[in-house]
Amino acid sequence: MNAPYRTLRAQLDGLSTEAHRPELAAVDTLSTVELIRLMNAEDAKVPTAIAGVADRLAETVDAVADRMRRGGRLIHIGAGTAGRMGVLDSAECPPTFNTRPGQVVAVIAGGTEAMLSAVEGAEDDGDAAVRALDGLGLRPEDTVVGISASGRTPFAVAAVRHARAAGALTVGLSCNSPSELGRAADIPLEIVVGPEFLTGSTRLKAGTCQKLVLNTLSTAVMIKLGKTYGNLMVDVRASNEKLRARSRRIVHLATGADESTVETALDAADGEVKRAILMILAGVTADRAAGLLTDHDGRLRAALDTAPPSTPATPTPTS
């Protein structure tokens, strides 16, 4: 056994995500329903593990939101399943929150090809991570979230070290503690979900954990940035028929207005949900609504607080 292999074997042997569970050695003999129930019970452990780092996750949200208010970007970076979770989260931000192009970015080891198939060796190329971040023109206002189930993936660790040296905020999201990634980051998010149902298959609980954490992080940050009104997606980008229908429904839920009023307002607002809501609730023109939103950094609730005295500032959404 050569020395590099022995070193890697020793590292893997010490990771909870790689641990073998002898009590599951006969899962291939279970009935289908027993198998499903057992897997579901394993998955149910993930939210509890995440709840254990709620304070650290809140710290992360506030730090990221602060930088994004100053023009910073949220950059996810990882390899394999971890990288795909980052790509998925970043891809959903423009239609959900109308984020600017490049405001939420994902980098996956091996490039776009790695989204659909494995790119062998890509996760071991730390230099590629550095080149990718340099290509993005990394700035101190940016946040780089390195994602790695093991917490030792060279691609993610190198990215976080390079970003931290450049002055960016760095977060290390892993499912082992302590981890090399956590030590490299400003904020370690180390969420131990335990050994996998299939030994070492970190697309299972670890992948679920990464998805839930990234959901929470990006959604909470966008709420802090005023991208919602209550729990309504008022910054939704209506890029297809479903989203156009959703836009109409959101305006109705926020205002209680009838269909004709909603349609008229959305037409005048060029389809912008926030502006249409403000027009209806504040009784202002489309141009005035746009100005109020600009004055308040796009925050609908703040704009409503400066609405004419005769208009309720914080209406209760109707169903």
C-alpha atoms as a PDB file:
ATOM      1  CA  MET A   1       0.000   0.000   0.000  1.00  0.00           C
ATOM      2  CA  ASN A   2       1.601   3.305  -1.073  1.00  0.00           C
ATOM      3  CA  ALA A   3       1.954   6.229   1.329  1.00  0.00           C
ATOM      4  CA  PRO A   4      -0.655   8.591  -0.222  1.00  0.00           C
ATOM      5  CA  TYR A   5      -3.232   5.807  -0.204  1.00  0.00           C
ATOM      6  CA  ARG A   6      -2.478   4.961   3.435  1.00  0.00           C
ATOM      7  CA  THR A   7      -2.913   8.633   4.373  1.00  0.00           C
ATOM      8  CA  LEU A   8      -6.232   8.898   2.556  1.00  0.00           C
ATOM      9  CA  ARG A   9      -7.429   5.592   4.022  1.00  0.00           C
ATOM     10  CA  ALA A  10      -6.614   6.858   7.502  1.00  0.00           C
ATOM     11  CA  GLN A  11      -8.532  10.079   6.840  1.00  0.00           C
ATOM     12  CA  LEU A  12     -11.603   8.236   5.612  1.00  0.00           C
ATOM     13  CA  ASP A  13     -11.512   5.803   8.519  1.00  0.00           C
ATOM     14  CA  GLY A  14     -11.856   8.753  10.890  1.00  0.00           C
ATOM     15  CA  LEU A  15     -14.894  10.347   9.197  1.00  0.00           C
ATOM     16  CA  SER A  16     -18.382   9.725  10.528  1.00  0.00           C
ATOM     17  CA  THR A  17     -19.784  10.034   6.996  1.00  0.00           C
ATOM     18  CA  GLU A  18     -17.626   7.063   5.961  1.00  0.00           C
ATOM     19  CA  ALA A  19     -18.305   4.857   8.985  1.00  0.00           C
ATOM     20  CA  HIS A  20     -19.664   1.350   8.425  1.00  0.00           C
ATOM     21  CA  ARG A  21     -22.793   0.228  10.279  1.00  0.00           C
ATOM     22  CA  PRO A  22     -22.737  -3.555  10.816  1.00  0.00           C
ATOM     23  CA  GLU A  23     -26.349  -3.501  12.019  1.00  0.00           C
ATOM     24  CA  LEU A  24     -27.401  -2.655   8.451  1.00  0.00           C
ATOM     25  CA  ALA A  25     -25.463  -5.487   6.849  1.00  0.00           C
ATOM     26  CA  ALA A  26     -28.633  -7.359   5.924  1.00  0.00           C
ATOM     27  CA  VAL A  27     -30.667  -4.519   4.391  1.00  0.00           C
ATOM     28  CA  ASP A  28     -30.669  -6.305   1.058  1.00  0.00           C
ATOM     29  CA  THR A  29     -32.802  -9.004   2.643  1.00  0.00           C
ATOM     30  CA  LEU A  30     -35.536  -6.669   3.919  1.00  0.00           C
ATOM     31  CA  SER A  31     -38.955  -6.279   2.382  1.00  0.00           C
ATOM     32  CA  THR A  32     -39.445  -3.176   0.273  1.00  0.00           C
ATOM     33  CA  VAL A  33     -41.629  -1.447   2.839  1.00  0.00           C
ATOM     34  CA  GLU A  34     -39.143  -2.244   5.634  1.00  0.00           C
ATOM     35  CA  LEU A  35     -36.348  -0.807   3.512  1.00  0.00           C
ATOM     36  CA  ILE A  36     -38.267   2.397   2.849  1.00  0.00           C
ATOM     37  CA  ARG A  37     -39.236   2.873   6.484  1.00  0.00           C
ATOM     38  CA  LEU A  38     -35.651   2.362   7.601  1.00  0.00           C
ATOM     39  CA  MET A  39     -34.317   4.877   5.082  1.00  0.00           C
ATOM     40  CA  ASN A  40     -37.000   7.380   6.034  1.00  0.00           C
ATOM     41  CA  ALA A  41     -36.045   7.051   9.689  1.00  0.00           C
ATOM     42  CA  GLU A  42     -32.450   7.842   8.757  1.00  0.00           C
ATOM     43  CA  ASP A  43     -33.478  10.909   6.744  1.00  0.00           C
ATOM     44  CA  ALA A  44     -35.544  12.185   9.684  1.00  0.00           C
ATOM     45  CA  LYS A  45     -32.324  12.673  11.674  1.00  0.00           C
ATOM     46  CA  VAL A  46     -31.133  15.451   9.363  1.00  0.00           C
ATOM     47  CA  PRO A  47     -33.414  18.359  10.426  1.00  0.00           C
ATOM     48  CA  THR A  48     -32.634  17.653  14.083  1.00  0.00           C
ATOM     49  CA  ALA A  49     -28.911  17.863  13.366  1.00  0.00           C
ATOM     50  CA  ILE A  50     -29.384  21.185  11.550  1.00  0.00           C
ATOM     51  CA  ALA A  51     -31.444  22.574  14.432  1.00  0.00           C
ATOM     52  CA  GLY A  52     -28.392  22.046  16.615  1.00  0.00           C
ATOM     53  CA  VAL A  53     -26.455  24.713  14.706  1.00  0.00           C
ATOM     54  CA  ALA A  54     -29.299  27.246  14.440  1.00  0.00           C
ATOM     55  CA  ASP A  55     -27.325  30.000  16.177  1.00  0.00           C
ATOM     56  CA  ARG A  56     -24.300  29.507  13.921  1.00  0.00           C
ATOM     57  CA  LEU A  57     -26.545  29.438  10.851  1.00  0.00           C
ATOM     58  CA  ALA A  58     -28.218  32.682  11.966  1.00  0.00           C
ATOM     59  CA  GLU A  59     -24.781  34.274  12.339  1.00  0.00           C
ATOM     60  CA  THR A  60     -23.999  33.172   8.800  1.00  0.00           C
ATOM     61  CA  VAL A  61     -27.239  34.606   7.375  1.00  0.00           C
ATOM     62  CA  ASP A  62     -26.660  38.015   8.987  1.00  0.00           C
ATOM     63  CA  ALA A  63     -23.045  38.154   7.827  1.00  0.00           C
ATOM     64  CA  VAL A  64     -23.937  37.191   4.245  1.00  0.00           C
ATOM     65  CA  ALA A  65     -26.852  39.654   4.091  1.00  0.00           C
ATOM     66  CA  ASP A  66     -24.624  42.468   5.321  1.00  0.00           C
ATOM     67  CA  ARG A  67     -22.138  41.852   2.529  1.00  0.00           C
ATOM     68  CA  MET A  68     -24.802  41.486  -0.128  1.00  0.00           C
ATOM     69  CA  ARG A  69     -26.252  44.859   0.882  1.00  0.00           C
ATOM     70  CA  ARG A  70     -22.838  46.261  -0.003  1.00  0.00           C
ATOM     71  CA  GLY A  71     -22.893  44.638  -3.422  1.00  0.00           C
ATOM     72  CA  GLY A  72     -21.276  41.337  -2.531  1.00  0.00           C
ATOM     73  CA  ARG A  73     -22.068  37.980  -4.068  1.00  0.00           C
ATOM     74  CA  LEU A  74     -22.958  34.615  -2.577  1.00  0.00           C
ATOM     75  CA  ILE A  75     -20.683  31.998  -4.142  1.00  0.00           C
ATOM     76  CA  HIS A  76     -21.195  28.267  -3.577  1.00  0.00           C
ATOM     77  CA  ILE A  77     -18.308  25.969  -4.454  1.00  0.00           C
ATOM     78  CA  GLY A  78     -17.898  22.219  -4.178  1.00  0.00           C
ATOM     79  CA  ALA A  79     -17.383  18.923  -5.968  1.00  0.00           C
ATOM     80  CA  GLY A  80     -19.724  16.061  -6.841  1.00  0.00           C
ATOM     81  CA  THR A  81     -23.014  15.989  -4.958  1.00  0.00           C
ATOM     82  CA  ALA A  82     -21.944  18.949  -2.821  1.00  0.00           C
ATOM     83  CA  GLY A  83     -21.195  21.018  -5.912  1.00  0.00           C
ATOM     84  CA  ARG A  84     -24.536  20.036  -7.471  1.00  0.00           C
ATOM     85  CA  MET A  85     -26.388  21.201  -4.363  1.00  0.00           C
ATOM     86  CA  GLY A  86     -24.684  24.578  -4.748  1.00  0.00           C
ATOM     87  CA  VAL A  87     -25.610  24.800  -8.429  1.00  0.00           C
ATOM     88  CA  LEU A  88     -29.223  23.909  -7.657  1.00  0.00           C
ATOM     89  CA  ASP A  89     -29.518  26.592  -4.991  1.00  0.00           C
ATOM     90  CA  SER A  90     -27.937  29.323  -7.116  1.00  0.00           C
ATOM     91  CA  ALA A  91     -30.050  28.442 -10.162  1.00  0.00           C
ATOM     92  CA  GLU A  92     -33.270  28.897  -8.191  1.00  0.00           C
ATOM     93  CA  CYS A  93     -32.465  32.379  -6.868  1.00  0.00           C
ATOM     94  CA  PRO A  94     -33.142  34.407 -10.063  1.00  0.00           C
ATOM     95  CA  PRO A  95     -36.691  33.126 -10.689  1.00  0.00           C
ATOM     96  CA  THR A  96     -37.610  33.060  -6.997  1.00  0.00           C
ATOM     97  CA  PHE A  97     -36.034  36.298  -5.804  1.00  0.00           C
ATOM     98  CA  ASN A  98     -35.194  38.159  -9.034  1.00  0.00           C
ATOM     99  CA  THR A  99     -31.531  38.269  -8.068  1.00  0.00           C
ATOM    100  CA  ARG A 100     -29.221  40.112 -10.423  1.00  0.00           C
ATOM    101  CA  PRO A 101     -27.105  38.109 -12.888  1.00  0.00           C
ATOM    102  CA  GLY A 102     -24.056  36.887 -10.991  1.00  0.00           C
ATOM    103  CA  GLN A 103     -25.417  37.832  -7.567  1.00  0.00           C
ATOM    104  CA  VAL A 104     -25.666  34.187  -6.467  1.00  0.00           C
ATOM    105  CA  VAL A 105     -23.066  31.997  -8.180  1.00  0.00           C
ATOM    106  CA  ALA A 106     -22.079  28.340  -8.081  1.00  0.00           C
ATOM    107  CA  VAL A 107     -18.789  26.699  -9.019  1.00  0.00           C
ATOM    108  CA  ILE A 108     -18.619  22.918  -9.382  1.00  0.00           C
ATOM    109  CA  ALA A 109     -15.401  20.950  -9.778  1.00  0.00           C
ATOM    110  CA  GLY A 110     -15.119  19.780 -13.370  1.00  0.00           C
ATOM    111  CA  GLY A 111     -17.402  22.509 -14.738  1.00  0.00           C
ATOM    112  CA  THR A 112     -20.874  22.141 -16.218  1.00  0.00           C
ATOM    113  CA  GLU A 113     -20.103  18.609 -17.439  1.00  0.00           C
ATOM    114  CA  ALA A 114     -19.931  17.528 -13.799  1.00  0.00           C
ATOM    115  CA  MET A 115     -23.605  18.390 -13.284  1.00  0.00           C
ATOM    116  CA  LEU A 116     -24.651  15.372 -15.318  1.00  0.00           C
ATOM    117  CA  SER A 117     -21.787  12.935 -14.896  1.00  0.00           C
ATOM    118  CA  ALA A 118     -18.763  12.331 -12.710  1.00  0.00           C
ATOM    119  CA  VAL A 119     -15.549  14.092 -13.728  1.00  0.00           C
ATOM    120  CA  GLU A 120     -12.846  11.888 -12.271  1.00  0.00           C
ATOM    121  CA  GLY A 121     -10.147  13.639 -10.283  1.00  0.00           C
ATOM    122  CA  ALA A 122     -11.835  17.060 -10.359  1.00  0.00           C
ATOM    123  CA  GLU A 123     -12.430  17.101  -6.596  1.00  0.00           C
ATOM    124  CA  ASP A 124      -8.692  16.713  -5.960  1.00  0.00           C
ATOM    125  CA  ASP A 125      -7.710  19.761  -8.051  1.00  0.00           C
ATOM    126  CA  GLY A 126      -7.385  22.606  -5.577  1.00  0.00           C
ATOM    127  CA  ASP A 127      -5.615  24.783  -8.142  1.00  0.00           C
ATOM    128  CA  ALA A 128      -8.712  24.626 -10.342  1.00  0.00           C
ATOM    129  CA  ALA A 129     -10.789  26.040  -7.482  1.00  0.00           C
ATOM    130  CA  VAL A 130      -8.382  28.937  -7.101  1.00  0.00           C
ATOM    131  CA  ARG A 131      -8.474  29.638 -10.845  1.00  0.00           C
ATOM    132  CA  ALA A 132     -12.270  29.547 -10.833  1.00  0.00           C
ATOM    133  CA  LEU A 133     -12.522  32.079  -8.018  1.00  0.00           C
ATOM    134  CA  ASP A 134      -9.912  34.321  -9.621  1.00  0.00           C
ATOM    135  CA  GLY A 135     -11.962  34.154 -12.810  1.00  0.00           C
ATOM    136  CA  LEU A 136     -14.933  35.532 -10.897  1.00  0.00           C
ATOM    137  CA  GLY A 137     -12.919  38.520  -9.720  1.00  0.00           C
ATOM    138  CA  LEU A 138     -13.298  37.745  -6.027  1.00  0.00           C
ATOM    139  CA  ARG A 139     -13.947  40.791  -3.796  1.00  0.00           C
ATOM    140  CA  PRO A 140     -13.916  41.331   0.000  1.00  0.00           C
ATOM    141  CA  GLU A 141     -17.688  41.918  -0.080  1.00  0.00           C
ATOM    142  CA  ASP A 142     -18.264  38.403  -1.415  1.00  0.00           C
ATOM    143  CA  THR A 143     -19.109  35.292   0.581  1.00  0.00           C
ATOM    144  CA  VAL A 144     -17.706  31.924  -0.467  1.00  0.00           C
ATOM    145  CA  VAL A 145     -19.459  28.818   0.863  1.00  0.00           C
ATOM    146  CA  GLY A 146     -17.267  25.745   0.517  1.00  0.00           C
ATOM    147  CA  ILE A 147     -19.402  22.578   0.518  1.00  0.00           C
ATOM    148  CA  SER A 148     -17.982  19.130   1.291  1.00  0.00           C
ATOM    149  CA  ALA A 149     -19.623  16.228   3.106  1.00  0.00           C
ATOM    150  CA  SER A 150     -16.291  14.925   4.336  1.00  0.00           C
ATOM    151  CA  GLY A 151     -14.892  18.372   5.092  1.00  0.00           C
ATOM    152  CA  ARG A 152     -11.612  17.350   3.446  1.00  0.00           C
ATOM    153  CA  THR A 153     -12.281  17.677  -0.311  1.00  0.00           C
ATOM    154  CA  PRO A 154      -9.213  19.476  -1.724  1.00  0.00           C
ATOM    155  CA  PHE A 155     -11.283  21.495  -4.226  1.00  0.00           C
ATOM    156  CA  ALA A 156     -13.518  22.991  -1.511  1.00  0.00           C
ATOM    157  CA  VAL A 157     -10.751  23.457   1.057  1.00  0.00           C
ATOM    158  CA  ALA A 158      -8.472  25.249  -1.428  1.00  0.00           C
ATOM    159  CA  ALA A 159     -11.339  27.512  -2.485  1.00  0.00           C
ATOM    160  CA  VAL A 160     -12.102  28.566   1.080  1.00  0.00           C
ATOM    161  CA  ARG A 161      -8.451  29.169   1.949  1.00  0.00           C
ATOM    162  CA  HIS A 162      -7.944  31.278  -1.170  1.00  0.00           C
ATOM    163  CA  ALA A 163     -11.143  33.272  -0.614  1.00  0.00           C
ATOM    164  CA  ARG A 164     -10.295  33.966   3.008  1.00  0.00           C
ATOM    165  CA  ALA A 165      -6.832  35.165   2.048  1.00  0.00           C
ATOM    166  CA  ALA A 166      -8.492  37.518  -0.451  1.00  0.00           C
ATOM    167  CA  GLY A 167     -10.606  39.030   2.331  1.00  0.00           C
ATOM    168  CA  ALA A 168     -13.944  37.451   1.430  1.00  0.00           C
ATOM    169  CA  LEU A 169     -16.180  35.946   4.098  1.00  0.00           C
ATOM    170  CA  THR A 170     -15.829  32.171   4.060  1.00  0.00           C
ATOM    171  CA  VAL A 171     -18.188  29.446   5.259  1.00  0.00           C
ATOM    172  CA  GLY A 172     -17.289  25.767   5.515  1.00  0.00           C
ATOM    173  CA  LEU A 173     -20.337  23.520   5.192  1.00  0.00           C
ATOM    174  CA  SER A 174     -19.502  19.919   6.067  1.00  0.00           C
ATOM    175  CA  CYS A 175     -20.968  16.873   7.816  1.00  0.00           C
ATOM    176  CA  ASN A 176     -17.949  16.015   9.958  1.00  0.00           C
ATOM    177  CA  SER A 177     -16.511  17.780  12.988  1.00  0.00           C
ATOM    178  CA  PRO A 178     -13.824  18.873  13.376  1.00  0.00           C
ATOM    179  CA  SER A 179     -13.009  19.243   9.699  1.00  0.00           C
ATOM    180  CA  GLU A 180     -10.234  20.660   7.584  1.00  0.00           C
ATOM    181  CA  LEU A 181     -12.820  22.768   5.767  1.00  0.00           C
ATOM    182  CA  GLY A 182     -14.186  24.129   9.029  1.00  0.00           C
ATOM    183  CA  ARG A 183     -10.704  25.070  10.211  1.00  0.00           C
ATOM    184  CA  ALA A 184     -10.050  26.896   6.946  1.00  0.00           C
ATOM    185  CA  ALA A 185     -13.273  28.962   7.069  1.00  0.00           C
ATOM    186  CA  ASP A 186     -14.312  32.054   9.013  1.00  0.00           C
ATOM    187  CA  ILE A 187     -17.570  30.319   9.893  1.00  0.00           C
ATOM    188  CA  PRO A 188     -17.584  26.522  10.197  1.00  0.00           C
ATOM    189  CA  LEU A 189     -21.002  24.967   9.644  1.00  0.00           C
ATOM    190  CA  GLU A 190     -20.238  21.400  10.713  1.00  0.00           C
ATOM    191  CA  ILE A 191     -23.437  19.378  10.896  1.00  0.00           C
ATOM    192  CA  VAL A 192     -22.870  15.780  11.892  1.00  0.00           C
ATOM    193  CA  VAL A 193     -25.633  13.588  10.474  1.00  0.00           C
ATOM    194  CA  GLY A 194     -23.840  10.333  11.187  1.00  0.00           C
ATOM    195  CA  PRO A 195     -22.902   7.307   9.063  1.00  0.00           C
ATOM    196  CA  GLU A 196     -24.816   6.851   5.837  1.00  0.00           C
ATOM    197  CA  PHE A 197     -27.423   4.156   5.195  1.00  0.00           C
ATOM    198  CA  LEU A 198     -25.107   2.920   2.431  1.00  0.00           C
ATOM    199  CA  THR A 199     -21.547   3.139   3.704  1.00  0.00           C
ATOM    200  CA  GLY A 200     -19.895   6.284   2.337  1.00  0.00           C
ATOM    201  CA  SER A 201     -22.805   7.276   0.044  1.00  0.00           C
ATOM    202  CA  THR A 202     -22.886  10.952   0.981  1.00  0.00           C
ATOM    203  CA  ARG A 203     -25.554  11.751  -1.590  1.00  0.00           C
ATOM    204  CA  LEU A 204     -27.950  10.462   1.092  1.00  0.00           C
ATOM    205  CA  LYS A 205     -28.114  12.154   4.520  1.00  0.00           C
ATOM    206  CA  ALA A 206     -25.168  14.448   3.843  1.00  0.00           C
ATOM    207  CA  GLY A 207     -26.639  15.564   0.515  1.00  0.00           C
ATOM    208  CA  THR A 208     -30.020  16.150   2.146  1.00  0.00           C
ATOM    209  CA  CYS A 209     -28.323  18.160   4.876  1.00  0.00           C
ATOM    210  CA  GLN A 210     -26.505  20.336   2.340  1.00  0.00           C
ATOM    211  CA  LYS A 211     -29.731  20.985   0.427  1.00  0.00           C
ATOM    212  CA  LEU A 212     -31.643  21.960   3.571  1.00  0.00           C
ATOM    213  CA  VAL A 213     -28.872  24.232   4.833  1.00  0.00           C
ATOM    214  CA  LEU A 214     -28.502  25.993   1.483  1.00  0.00           C
ATOM    215  CA  ASN A 215     -32.301  26.374   1.269  1.00  0.00           C
ATOM    216  CA  THR A 216     -32.285  28.016   4.683  1.00  0.00           C
ATOM    217  CA  LEU A 217     -29.254  30.181   4.036  1.00  0.00           C
ATOM    218  CA  SER A 218     -30.326  31.660   0.703  1.00  0.00           C
ATOM    219  CA  THR A 219     -33.995  32.054   1.676  1.00  0.00           C
ATOM    220  CA  ALA A 220     -33.238  33.745   4.998  1.00  0.00           C
ATOM    221  CA  VAL A 221     -30.700  36.045   3.350  1.00  0.00           C
ATOM    222  CA  MET A 222     -33.229  37.065   0.691  1.00  0.00           C
ATOM    223  CA  ILE A 223     -35.864  37.747   3.345  1.00  0.00           C
ATOM    224  CA  LYS A 224     -33.351  39.961   5.162  1.00  0.00           C
ATOM    225  CA  LEU A 225     -32.725  41.797   1.879  1.00  0.00           C
ATOM    226  CA  GLY A 226     -36.428  42.567   1.465  1.00  0.00           C
ATOM    227  CA  LYS A 227     -37.070  40.078  -1.309  1.00  0.00           C
ATOM    228  CA  THR A 228     -40.327  38.945   0.302  1.00  0.00           C
ATOM    229  CA  TYR A 229     -43.412  40.552   1.848  1.00  0.00           C
ATOM    230  CA  GLY A 230     -44.348  38.295   4.721  1.00  0.00           C
ATOM    231  CA  ASN A 231     -44.102  34.843   3.184  1.00  0.00           C
ATOM    232  CA  LEU A 232     -45.009  36.046  -0.308  1.00  0.00           C
ATOM    233  CA  MET A 233     -42.424  35.948  -3.112  1.00  0.00           C
ATOM    234  CA  VAL A 234     -42.993  39.520  -4.239  1.00  0.00           C
ATOM    235  CA  ASP A 235     -39.757  39.602  -6.240  1.00  0.00           C
ATOM    236  CA  VAL A 236     -40.716  36.560  -8.310  1.00  0.00           C
ATOM    237  CA  ARG A 237     -39.666  36.821 -11.953  1.00  0.00           C
ATOM    238  CA  ALA A 238     -42.615  35.864 -14.152  1.00  0.00           C
ATOM    239  CA  SER A 239     -40.746  34.055 -16.907  1.00  0.00           C
ATOM    240  CA  ASN A 240     -43.406  31.465 -17.791  1.00  0.00           C
ATOM    241  CA  GLU A 241     -47.165  30.951 -17.605  1.00  0.00           C
ATOM    242  CA  LYS A 242     -47.056  29.307 -14.173  1.00  0.00           C
ATOM    243  CA  LEU A 243     -45.077  32.182 -12.718  1.00  0.00           C
ATOM    244  CA  ARG A 244     -47.337  34.742 -14.369  1.00  0.00           C
ATOM    245  CA  ALA A 245     -50.315  33.063 -12.723  1.00  0.00           C
ATOM    246  CA  ARG A 246     -48.418  32.998  -9.430  1.00  0.00           C
ATOM    247  CA  SER A 247     -47.690  36.722  -9.767  1.00  0.00           C
ATOM    248  CA  ARG A 248     -51.401  37.474 -10.071  1.00  0.00           C
ATOM    249  CA  ARG A 249     -52.156  35.297  -7.076  1.00  0.00           C
ATOM    250  CA  ILE A 250     -49.466  36.971  -4.963  1.00  0.00           C
ATOM    251  CA  VAL A 251     -50.837  40.441  -5.732  1.00  0.00           C
ATOM    252  CA  HIS A 252     -54.317  39.238  -4.780  1.00  0.00           C
ATOM    253  CA  LEU A 253     -53.096  37.634  -1.546  1.00  0.00           C
ATOM    254  CA  ALA A 254     -51.260  40.799  -0.532  1.00  0.00           C
ATOM    255  CA  THR A 255     -54.057  43.229  -1.409  1.00  0.00           C
ATOM    256  CA  GLY A 256     -57.351  41.376  -1.553  1.00  0.00           C
ATOM    257  CA  ALA A 257     -58.012  43.159  -4.865  1.00  0.00           C
ATOM    258  CA  ASP A 258     -60.268  41.643  -7.510  1.00  0.00           C
ATOM    259  CA  GLU A 259     -58.927  40.079 -10.694  1.00  0.00           C
ATOM    260  CA  SER A 260     -59.508  43.140 -12.849  1.00  0.00           C
ATOM    261  CA  THR A 261     -57.675  45.449 -10.433  1.00  0.00           C
ATOM    262  CA  VAL A 262     -54.783  43.006 -10.162  1.00  0.00           C
ATOM    263  CA  GLU A 263     -54.447  42.717 -13.948  1.00  0.00           C
ATOM    264  CA  THR A 264     -54.583  46.487 -14.436  1.00  0.00           C
ATOM    265  CA  ALA A 265     -51.922  47.096 -11.809  1.00  0.00           C
ATOM    266  CA  LEU A 266     -49.597  44.386 -13.119  1.00  0.00           C
ATOM    267  CA  ASP A 267     -49.922  45.702 -16.678  1.00  0.00           C
ATOM    268  CA  ALA A 268     -49.077  49.238 -15.530  1.00  0.00           C
ATOM    269  CA  ALA A 269     -46.176  47.897 -13.443  1.00  0.00           C
ATOM    270  CA  ASP A 270     -44.719  45.906 -16.357  1.00  0.00           C
ATOM    271  CA  GLY A 271     -45.409  42.721 -14.445  1.00  0.00           C
ATOM    272  CA  GLU A 272     -43.487  43.771 -11.320  1.00  0.00           C
ATOM    273  CA  VAL A 273     -45.332  42.282  -8.366  1.00  0.00           C
ATOM    274  CA  LYS A 274     -43.951  44.634  -5.717  1.00  0.00           C
ATOM    275  CA  ARG A 275     -44.850  47.687  -7.716  1.00  0.00           C
ATOM    276  CA  ALA A 276     -48.352  46.428  -8.448  1.00  0.00           C
ATOM    277  CA  ILE A 277     -48.997  45.740  -4.764  1.00  0.00           C
ATOM    278  CA  LEU A 278     -47.755  49.184  -3.786  1.00  0.00           C
ATOM    279  CA  MET A 279     -49.920  50.835  -6.454  1.00  0.00           C
ATOM    280  CA  ILE A 280     -53.035  49.124  -5.127  1.00  0.00           C
ATOM    281  CA  LEU A 281     -52.395  49.509  -1.410  1.00  0.00           C
ATOM    282  CA  ALA A 282     -50.998  53.044  -1.523  1.00  0.00           C
ATOM    283  CA  GLY A 283     -53.165  54.309  -4.369  1.00  0.00           C
ATOM    284  CA  VAL A 284     -50.153  55.664  -6.263  1.00  0.00           C
ATOM    285  CA  THR A 285     -49.113  55.598  -9.903  1.00  0.00           C
ATOM    286  CA  ALA A 286     -46.696  53.078 -11.339  1.00  0.00           C
ATOM    287  CA  ASP A 287     -43.952  55.718 -11.506  1.00  0.00           C
ATOM    288  CA  ARG A 288     -44.530  56.805  -7.921  1.00  0.00           C
ATOM    289  CA  ALA A 289     -44.492  53.194  -6.763  1.00  0.00           C
ATOM    290  CA  ALA A 290     -41.205  52.636  -8.559  1.00  0.00           C
ATOM    291  CA  GLY A 291     -39.743  55.712  -6.874  1.00  0.00           C
ATOM    292  CA  LEU A 292     -40.861  54.618  -3.424  1.00  0.00           C
ATOM    293  CA  LEU A 293     -39.300  51.198  -3.911  1.00  0.00           C
ATOM    294  CA  THR A 294     -36.058  52.738  -5.139  1.00  0.00           C
ATOM    295  CA  ASP A 295     -35.989  55.041  -2.103  1.00  0.00           C
ATOM    296  CA  HIS A 296     -36.308  52.025   0.191  1.00  0.00           C
ATOM    297  CA  ASP A 297     -33.884  49.635  -1.531  1.00  0.00           C
ATOM    298  CA  GLY A 298     -36.729  47.554  -2.927  1.00  0.00           C
ATOM    299  CA  ARG A 299     -38.283  46.831   0.480  1.00  0.00           C
ATOM    300  CA  LEU A 300     -42.032  46.733  -0.007  1.00  0.00           C
ATOM    301  CA  ARG A 301     -42.945  46.935   3.672  1.00  0.00           C
ATOM    302  CA  ALA A 302     -40.728  49.980   4.181  1.00  0.00           C
ATOM    303  CA  ALA A 303     -42.232  51.652   1.119  1.00  0.00           C
ATOM    304  CA  LEU A 304     -45.725  51.005   2.476  1.00  0.00           C
ATOM    305  CA  ASP A 305     -44.739  52.616   5.771  1.00  0.00           C
ATOM    306  CA  THR A 306     -44.287  55.906   3.887  1.00  0.00           C
ATOM    307  CA  ALA A 307     -47.562  55.547   1.981  1.00  0.00           C
ATOM    308  CA  PRO A 308     -50.253  58.270   2.251  1.00  0.00           C
ATOM    309  CA  PRO A 309     -51.778  58.467   5.740  1.00  0.00           C
ATOM    310  CA  SER A 310     -55.142  57.267   4.483  1.00  0.00           C
ATOM    311  CA  THR A 311     -53.627  53.985   3.307  1.00  0.00           C
ATOM    312  CA  PRO A 312     -52.967  51.094   5.731  1.00  0.00           C
ATOM    313  CA  ALA A 313     -49.191  50.713   5.903  1.00  0.00           C
ATOM    314  CA  THR A 314     -49.074  47.013   6.701  1.00  0.00           C
ATOM    315  CA  PRO A 315     -52.200  45.283   5.414  1.00  0.00           C
ATOM    316  CA  THR A 316     -53.026  41.756   6.395  1.00  0.00           C
ATOM    317  CA  PRO A 317     -52.736  39.413   3.379  1.00  0.00           C
ATOM    318  CA  THR A 318     -56.015  37.769   2.481  1.00  0.00           C
ATOM    319  CA  SER A 319     -56.681  34.278   1.187  1.00  0.00           C
END
